[in-house]
Amino acid sequence: MQDGRGSRTLDRVARGEGLREAGMRRAQILIQGIVQGVGFRPFVYGLAKRWGLKGWVLN
């Protein structure tokens, strides 16, 4: 994926470029363990929304 300036947008995002100018910080959070039942993802989504966090998740 490229932006209009020809740079690789996804590479820039992965490196966290532009975050400081936008008043944002980058963090990687790893949660490990056995999840029993359902509701973990909605619970974390609610926390992130309450704290104003933005991002993505992988299984």
PDB file of N, CA and C in Angstrom:
ATOM      1  N   MET A   1       0.851  -1.165   0.000  1.00  0.00           N
ATOM      2  CA  MET A   1       0.000   0.000   0.000  1.00  0.00           C
ATOM      3  C   MET A   1       0.895   1.226   0.000  1.00  0.00           C
ATOM      4  N   GLN A   2       0.535   2.206  -0.794  1.00  0.00           N
ATOM      5  CA  GLN A   2       1.333   3.417  -0.866  1.00  0.00           C
ATOM      6  C   GLN A   2       0.445   4.631  -0.702  1.00  0.00           C
ATOM      7  N   ASP A   3       1.013   5.691  -0.117  1.00  0.00           N
ATOM      8  CA  ASP A   3       0.273   6.940  -0.062  1.00  0.00           C
ATOM      9  C   ASP A   3       0.628   7.763  -1.294  1.00  0.00           C
ATOM     10  N   GLY A   4       0.097   8.952  -1.416  1.00  0.00           N
ATOM     11  CA  GLY A   4       0.304   9.770  -2.601  1.00  0.00           C
ATOM     12  C   GLY A   4       1.736  10.204  -2.820  1.00  0.00           C
ATOM     13  N   ARG A   5       2.573  10.103  -1.830  1.00  0.00           N
ATOM     14  CA  ARG A   5       3.972  10.510  -1.973  1.00  0.00           C
ATOM     15  C   ARG A   5       4.858   9.357  -2.393  1.00  0.00           C
ATOM     16  N   GLY A   6       4.281   8.193  -2.584  1.00  0.00           N
ATOM     17  CA  GLY A   6       5.065   7.055  -3.055  1.00  0.00           C
ATOM     18  C   GLY A   6       5.763   6.277  -1.959  1.00  0.00           C
ATOM     19  N   SER A   7       5.617   6.685  -0.701  1.00  0.00           N
ATOM     20  CA  SER A   7       6.259   5.928   0.377  1.00  0.00           C
ATOM     21  C   SER A   7       5.373   4.756   0.761  1.00  0.00           C
ATOM     22  N   ARG A   8       5.945   3.785   1.394  1.00  0.00           N
ATOM     23  CA  ARG A   8       5.174   2.598   1.787  1.00  0.00           C
ATOM     24  C   ARG A   8       4.469   2.888   3.109  1.00  0.00           C
ATOM     25  N   THR A   9       3.184   3.151   3.022  1.00  0.00           N
ATOM     26  CA  THR A   9       2.404   3.561   4.186  1.00  0.00           C
ATOM     27  C   THR A   9       2.451   2.533   5.304  1.00  0.00           C
ATOM     28  N   LEU A  10       2.264   1.266   4.992  1.00  0.00           N
ATOM     29  CA  LEU A  10       2.261   0.255   6.048  1.00  0.00           C
ATOM     30  C   LEU A  10       3.610   0.158   6.740  1.00  0.00           C
ATOM     31  N   ASP A  11       4.695   0.303   5.999  1.00  0.00           N
ATOM     32  CA  ASP A  11       6.020   0.293   6.616  1.00  0.00           C
ATOM     33  C   ASP A  11       6.167   1.458   7.581  1.00  0.00           C
ATOM     34  N   ARG A  12       5.675   2.619   7.198  1.00  0.00           N
ATOM     35  CA  ARG A  12       5.756   3.799   8.060  1.00  0.00           C
ATOM     36  C   ARG A  12       4.943   3.588   9.333  1.00  0.00           C
ATOM     37  N   VAL A  13       3.765   3.016   9.190  1.00  0.00           N
ATOM     38  CA  VAL A  13       2.927   2.759  10.362  1.00  0.00           C
ATOM     39  C   VAL A  13       3.608   1.756  11.284  1.00  0.00           C
ATOM     40  N   ALA A  14       4.179   0.699  10.720  1.00  0.00           N
ATOM     41  CA  ALA A  14       4.845  -0.325  11.524  1.00  0.00           C
ATOM     42  C   ALA A  14       6.007   0.261  12.316  1.00  0.00           C
ATOM     43  N   ARG A  15       6.680   1.250  11.748  1.00  0.00           N
ATOM     44  CA  ARG A  15       7.801   1.888  12.453  1.00  0.00           C
ATOM     45  C   ARG A  15       7.323   2.974  13.412  1.00  0.00           C
ATOM     46  N   GLY A  16       6.037   3.312  13.364  1.00  0.00           N
ATOM     47  CA  GLY A  16       5.503   4.333  14.256  1.00  0.00           C
ATOM     48  C   GLY A  16       5.750   5.745  13.778  1.00  0.00           C
ATOM     49  N   GLU A  17       6.101   5.925  12.515  1.00  0.00           N
ATOM     50  CA  GLU A  17       6.380   7.262  11.993  1.00  0.00           C
ATOM     51  C   GLU A  17       5.107   8.099  11.978  1.00  0.00           C
ATOM     52  N   GLY A  18       5.233   9.347  12.334  1.00  0.00           N
ATOM     53  CA  GLY A  18       4.104  10.262  12.321  1.00  0.00           C
ATOM     54  C   GLY A  18       3.264  10.235  13.585  1.00  0.00           C
ATOM     55  N   LEU A  19       3.509   9.296  14.472  1.00  0.00           N
ATOM     56  CA  LEU A  19       2.697   9.206  15.680  1.00  0.00           C
ATOM     57  C   LEU A  19       2.936  10.380  16.615  1.00  0.00           C
ATOM     58  N   ARG A  20       4.180  10.767  16.779  1.00  0.00           N
ATOM     59  CA  ARG A  20       4.498  11.866  17.690  1.00  0.00           C
ATOM     60  C   ARG A  20       3.827  13.152  17.229  1.00  0.00           C
ATOM     61  N   GLU A  21       3.860  13.404  15.906  1.00  0.00           N
ATOM     62  CA  GLU A  21       3.244  14.606  15.372  1.00  0.00           C
ATOM     63  C   GLU A  21       1.738  14.599  15.605  1.00  0.00           C
ATOM     64  N   ALA A  22       1.150  13.423  15.644  1.00  0.00           N
ATOM     65  CA  ALA A  22      -0.292  13.292  15.861  1.00  0.00           C
ATOM     66  C   ALA A  22      -0.638  13.230  17.347  1.00  0.00           C
ATOM     67  N   GLY A  23       0.354  13.376  18.223  1.00  0.00           N
ATOM     68  CA  GLY A  23       0.112  13.306  19.660  1.00  0.00           C
ATOM     69  C   GLY A  23      -0.164  11.891  20.145  1.00  0.00           C
ATOM     70  N   MET A  24       0.374  10.911  19.426  1.00  0.00           N
ATOM     71  CA  MET A  24       0.135   9.514  19.772  1.00  0.00           C
ATOM     72  C   MET A  24       1.443   8.832  20.132  1.00  0.00           C
ATOM     73  N   ARG A  25       1.334   7.723  20.846  1.00  0.00           N
ATOM     74  CA  ARG A  25       2.485   6.880  21.146  1.00  0.00           C
ATOM     75  C   ARG A  25       2.189   5.474  20.677  1.00  0.00           C
ATOM     76  N   ARG A  26       3.236   4.723  20.426  1.00  0.00           N
ATOM     77  CA  ARG A  26       3.102   3.346  19.967  1.00  0.00           C
ATOM     78  C   ARG A  26       3.465   2.400  21.100  1.00  0.00           C
ATOM     79  N   ALA A  27       2.691   1.334  21.245  1.00  0.00           N
ATOM     80  CA  ALA A  27       2.973   0.318  22.254  1.00  0.00           C
ATOM     81  C   ALA A  27       2.584  -1.041  21.696  1.00  0.00           C
ATOM     82  N   GLN A  28       3.336  -2.040  22.079  1.00  0.00           N
ATOM     83  CA  GLN A  28       2.982  -3.414  21.736  1.00  0.00           C
ATOM     84  C   GLN A  28       2.648  -4.118  23.038  1.00  0.00           C
ATOM     85  N   ILE A  29       1.459  -4.676  23.102  1.00  0.00           N
ATOM     86  CA  ILE A  29       0.995  -5.353  24.306  1.00  0.00           C
ATOM     87  C   ILE A  29       0.727  -6.803  23.953  1.00  0.00           C
ATOM     88  N   LEU A  30       1.336  -7.704  24.683  1.00  0.00           N
ATOM     89  CA  LEU A  30       1.172  -9.131  24.446  1.00  0.00           C
ATOM     90  C   LEU A  30       0.477  -9.745  25.651  1.00  0.00           C
ATOM     91  N   ILE A  31      -0.660 -10.363  25.402  1.00  0.00           N
ATOM     92  CA  ILE A  31      -1.404 -11.046  26.457  1.00  0.00           C
ATOM     93  C   ILE A  31      -1.409 -12.523  26.111  1.00  0.00           C
ATOM     94  N   GLN A  32      -0.904 -13.343  27.024  1.00  0.00           N
ATOM     95  CA  GLN A  32      -0.839 -14.777  26.786  1.00  0.00           C
ATOM     96  C   GLN A  32      -1.597 -15.516  27.873  1.00  0.00           C
ATOM     97  N   GLY A  33      -2.056 -16.688  27.522  1.00  0.00           N
ATOM     98  CA  GLY A  33      -2.730 -17.521  28.502  1.00  0.00           C
ATOM     99  C   GLY A  33      -3.894 -18.251  27.872  1.00  0.00           C
ATOM    100  N   ILE A  34      -4.602 -18.953  28.696  1.00  0.00           N
ATOM    101  CA  ILE A  34      -5.766 -19.702  28.243  1.00  0.00           C
ATOM    102  C   ILE A  34      -7.004 -18.873  28.551  1.00  0.00           C
ATOM    103  N   VAL A  35      -7.773 -18.605  27.528  1.00  0.00           N
ATOM    104  CA  VAL A  35      -9.011 -17.850  27.697  1.00  0.00           C
ATOM    105  C   VAL A  35     -10.147 -18.852  27.794  1.00  0.00           C
ATOM    106  N   GLN A  36     -10.852 -18.805  28.890  1.00  0.00           N
ATOM    107  CA  GLN A  36     -11.967 -19.737  29.089  1.00  0.00           C
ATOM    108  C   GLN A  36     -13.278 -18.993  28.886  1.00  0.00           C
ATOM    109  N   GLY A  37     -14.146 -19.585  28.128  1.00  0.00           N
ATOM    110  CA  GLY A  37     -15.436 -18.960  27.876  1.00  0.00           C
ATOM    111  C   GLY A  37     -15.328 -17.871  26.824  1.00  0.00           C
ATOM    112  N   VAL A  38     -16.343 -17.058  26.762  1.00  0.00           N
ATOM    113  CA  VAL A  38     -16.378 -15.976  25.782  1.00  0.00           C
ATOM    114  C   VAL A  38     -16.395 -14.651  26.520  1.00  0.00           C
ATOM    115  N   GLY A  39     -16.120 -13.604  25.797  1.00  0.00           N
ATOM    116  CA  GLY A  39     -16.220 -12.277  26.385  1.00  0.00           C
ATOM    117  C   GLY A  39     -14.916 -11.542  26.565  1.00  0.00           C
ATOM    118  N   PHE A  40     -13.773 -12.210  26.345  1.00  0.00           N
ATOM    119  CA  PHE A  40     -12.494 -11.527  26.549  1.00  0.00           C
ATOM    120  C   PHE A  40     -12.323 -10.375  25.568  1.00  0.00           C
ATOM    121  N   ARG A  41     -12.574 -10.643  24.285  1.00  0.00           N
ATOM    122  CA  ARG A  41     -12.386  -9.602  23.270  1.00  0.00           C
ATOM    123  C   ARG A  41     -13.331  -8.420  23.508  1.00  0.00           C
ATOM    124  N   PRO A  42     -14.636  -8.634  23.755  1.00  0.00           N
ATOM    125  CA  PRO A  42     -15.504  -7.488  24.048  1.00  0.00           C
ATOM    126  C   PRO A  42     -15.078  -6.726  25.309  1.00  0.00           C
ATOM    127  N   PHE A  43     -14.577  -7.441  26.310  1.00  0.00           N
ATOM    128  CA  PHE A  43     -14.103  -6.790  27.530  1.00  0.00           C
ATOM    129  C   PHE A  43     -12.924  -5.863  27.232  1.00  0.00           C
ATOM    130  N   VAL A  44     -11.957  -6.366  26.470  1.00  0.00           N
ATOM    131  CA  VAL A  44     -10.780  -5.562  26.126  1.00  0.00           C
ATOM    132  C   VAL A  44     -11.176  -4.403  25.216  1.00  0.00           C
ATOM    133  N   TYR A  45     -12.094  -4.649  24.294  1.00  0.00           N
ATOM    134  CA  TYR A  45     -12.585  -3.579  23.422  1.00  0.00           C
ATOM    135  C   TYR A  45     -13.187  -2.449  24.258  1.00  0.00           C
ATOM    136  N   GLY A  46     -13.989  -2.814  25.256  1.00  0.00           N
ATOM    137  CA  GLY A  46     -14.594  -1.804  26.122  1.00  0.00           C
ATOM    138  C   GLY A  46     -13.553  -0.998  26.885  1.00  0.00           C
ATOM    139  N   LEU A  47     -12.518  -1.671  27.385  1.00  0.00           N
ATOM    140  CA  LEU A  47     -11.436  -0.956  28.074  1.00  0.00           C
ATOM    141  C   LEU A  47     -10.722   0.004  27.130  1.00  0.00           C
ATOM    142  N   ALA A  48     -10.397  -0.481  25.937  1.00  0.00           N
ATOM    143  CA  ALA A  48      -9.689   0.360  24.969  1.00  0.00           C
ATOM    144  C   ALA A  48     -10.525   1.578  24.598  1.00  0.00           C
ATOM    145  N   LYS A  49     -11.797   1.377  24.386  1.00  0.00           N
ATOM    146  CA  LYS A  49     -12.676   2.494  24.028  1.00  0.00           C
ATOM    147  C   LYS A  49     -12.753   3.506  25.168  1.00  0.00           C
ATOM    148  N   ARG A  50     -12.873   3.015  26.393  1.00  0.00           N
ATOM    149  CA  ARG A  50     -12.951   3.900  27.555  1.00  0.00           C
ATOM    150  C   ARG A  50     -11.675   4.723  27.714  1.00  0.00           C
ATOM    151  N   TRP A  51     -10.528   4.125  27.439  1.00  0.00           N
ATOM    152  CA  TRP A  51      -9.244   4.807  27.589  1.00  0.00           C
ATOM    153  C   TRP A  51      -8.822   5.568  26.340  1.00  0.00           C
ATOM    154  N   GLY A  52      -9.623   5.520  25.275  1.00  0.00           N
ATOM    155  CA  GLY A  52      -9.303   6.255  24.049  1.00  0.00           C
ATOM    156  C   GLY A  52      -8.182   5.627  23.243  1.00  0.00           C
ATOM    157  N   LEU A  53      -8.011   4.313  23.359  1.00  0.00           N
ATOM    158  CA  LEU A  53      -6.951   3.627  22.623  1.00  0.00           C
ATOM    159  C   LEU A  53      -7.436   3.245  21.234  1.00  0.00           C
ATOM    160  N   LYS A  54      -6.520   3.213  20.296  1.00  0.00           N
ATOM    161  CA  LYS A  54      -6.830   2.797  18.935  1.00  0.00           C
ATOM    162  C   LYS A  54      -5.788   1.784  18.508  1.00  0.00           C
ATOM    163  N   GLY A  55      -6.159   0.863  17.623  1.00  0.00           N
ATOM    164  CA  GLY A  55      -5.191  -0.117  17.161  1.00  0.00           C
ATOM    165  C   GLY A  55      -5.861  -1.312  16.536  1.00  0.00           C
ATOM    166  N   TRP A  56      -5.158  -2.425  16.541  1.00  0.00           N
ATOM    167  CA  TRP A  56      -5.648  -3.656  15.937  1.00  0.00           C
ATOM    168  C   TRP A  56      -5.153  -4.827  16.758  1.00  0.00           C
ATOM    169  N   VAL A  57      -5.703  -5.994  16.476  1.00  0.00           N
ATOM    170  CA  VAL A  57      -5.384  -7.181  17.263  1.00  0.00           C
ATOM    171  C   VAL A  57      -5.216  -8.379  16.340  1.00  0.00           C
ATOM    172  N   LEU A  58      -4.377  -9.295  16.755  1.00  0.00           N
ATOM    173  CA  LEU A  58      -4.200 -10.567  16.057  1.00  0.00           C
ATOM    174  C   LEU A  58      -4.447 -11.698  17.040  1.00  0.00           C
ATOM    175  N   ASN A  59      -4.923 -12.827  16.537  1.00  0.00           N
ATOM    176  CA  ASN A  59      -5.049 -14.027  17.371  1.00  0.00           C
ATOM    177  C   ASN A  59      -3.740 -14.776  17.361  1.00  0.00           C
TER     178      ASN A  59
END
